[in-house]
Amino acid sequence: MNRDLSRFRLFGFAFLLIVVVWAGCTKSNTPIGNTLYKQTKNSLYQQLDADSLANAFKTYFQAHQSTFKNPQYLKSFYASQGYTPVLLSRFYADSSLFQFVGVLAKIGEHGLSIKGYHLEGLKKSLQVLADKDVINTTKAAYEHIITAELLFAEALTRYSFALQYGQINPRKSLSRYYIAVSRPDSVQFSKVLSTKDLITYLDSIQPKDSLYKQMQNTLAKREGGQLPALLANLERLRWKFKRDSSCLVYVNIPAYQLSIIKNGEKLSDMKVVVGEVGGHETPVLTSRIHSVQVNPIWNIPTSIAKQEILVQAKADKFYLSNHGIDVYYKGKKVPDADSIDWSGYDAANLPYSFKQRPGNANSLGLIKFLFNNGSSVYLHDTPAKMVFGRKMRAASHGCVRVEKPLDLAHALFGDGEKYEIIKEEMGSEDPVAKTISLKPQPQVILDYMTCATNESGDLTFYPDVYGLDSVLYRLLK
């Protein structure tokens, strides 16, 4: 009896050992194989081999890398992961991958086109993974797993970067745009693909700006959502650059408006005149106002001298003296410039340069606000006050004319000795150019937004004076 019991126990132990060994042999040695087997009950996924999958992944990527937007970033990430389909392994089982497909399908709510995201291909590749008639060999399994993984990675990174940084790099796509906006790099690329909670991550990258949401709501109510100005301004809000809310002079070019902002609150607005269309457009840039020049001297640019000053001098020999303009030849002031016979000169052979003396007739007015930039533009006063009464105020050579320059000076300098000097010198009957430094140096932004909120909180649209909404619209579509 005891001998039979012992034999039975020995047989039972051997049987159990065989079952354990058999179970171990049938379990895939790849995480994605185990995940897909549990979800699809396709036993072929249990036959997948990690080394074979990695080799197939490398081979496939090498053959198709030119089809991806950021192949080097993609290659670097998957090489660091041993060429394993980490996204499918993480997000197939909990269905968050399928939720992402639903989110991606609504990208039009951000004014973005679904083109380039391969949405239908991604949907199909996910469906195929559950189709036993298609996944009937390990080769087919490897191919479709890799395809789905890379389509997922491409769509996720592109969507993430479009929402966080904008779909377009304005410095590469727009002329006269000089603000250094943030752009994604390899670290950000890897960060996106390394996320552990996809739904939480997708929620975190949705733009939270109230103006952005207001534009989205307005866009949703429009027939077909075909307004270029909504689409363009949503994109502009996605561009990120540093703003100093402690003290900011903000110029919105299409609104012809300057705002003074301190500690995040708008103190005042004033009208401005910006560059005219046709080569004199005011650039989009950011800098720091480092000083002002009271009663400035205007060093007339060569282009203006040839195209305007020479024409006026030919028409009226006293034009230069009447406007306080001195003539220079090889750096030396020419005496009695009214005696020059201008009829013998044209734009091709003009040897003279010109400077306008300080005074009420000076085109820069009584003060200019200086900041470093590569376009030689600045904020300044003007004697032509009547222009501020016009609705369309794109009429300068590129600089920004300010309606209330003394108010701006007071906002920047505050009460004190420097401001008193500025006020006194601007009222002097014997004007002399004087430069006064400004510390701390406030940020100045020359921006281009054709949509904003008014005092009532409603959306206001401004004319697309430089036609940039249309340019952005075409690029986004």
Foldseek 3Di string as FASTA:
>chain_A
DVVVVVVVVVVVVVVVVVVVVVVVQQAAPALLLNLLCVVQVQSQSSVDHLVVLLVLLVVVCVVCLVLFPCSVLVVVLCVVVSNHLVVCSQCVNVCVLVVVLVVLVVCCLLVFDSPPLCSVVLVVLSVVSNDCVQPVHNVSNSVSSSSNSVSSLRNQLQSLQCLQANNDDCVVQPPLEDADWDHDDSVVSNVRVPDNDPVVVVVVSHDPDPVSVQLSVVQVPDDVSPDLQSSLQSRVVNTDDDADQQWEWEAAQLQQKTFTGHPNRTDDMFGKFFAAPDQQGAGWYKWWFWWKKFLDKDFDDLVCCQPPVLVVCQVPLCPCVVLQKFKDAPRHTDPPSSPDNSPVDHSVDDRITMMHGGDLSDQQAGMWTDTDDDPPETEGEGNPQVLRVDSHRNHDSHHMYTNCVLVVVCSQAPDDDVSVVNVVLSPDPDHDIDMDTGPPIHMYTHHYRQWDADPVRDIDGGDPNHCVSVSVSVVSD
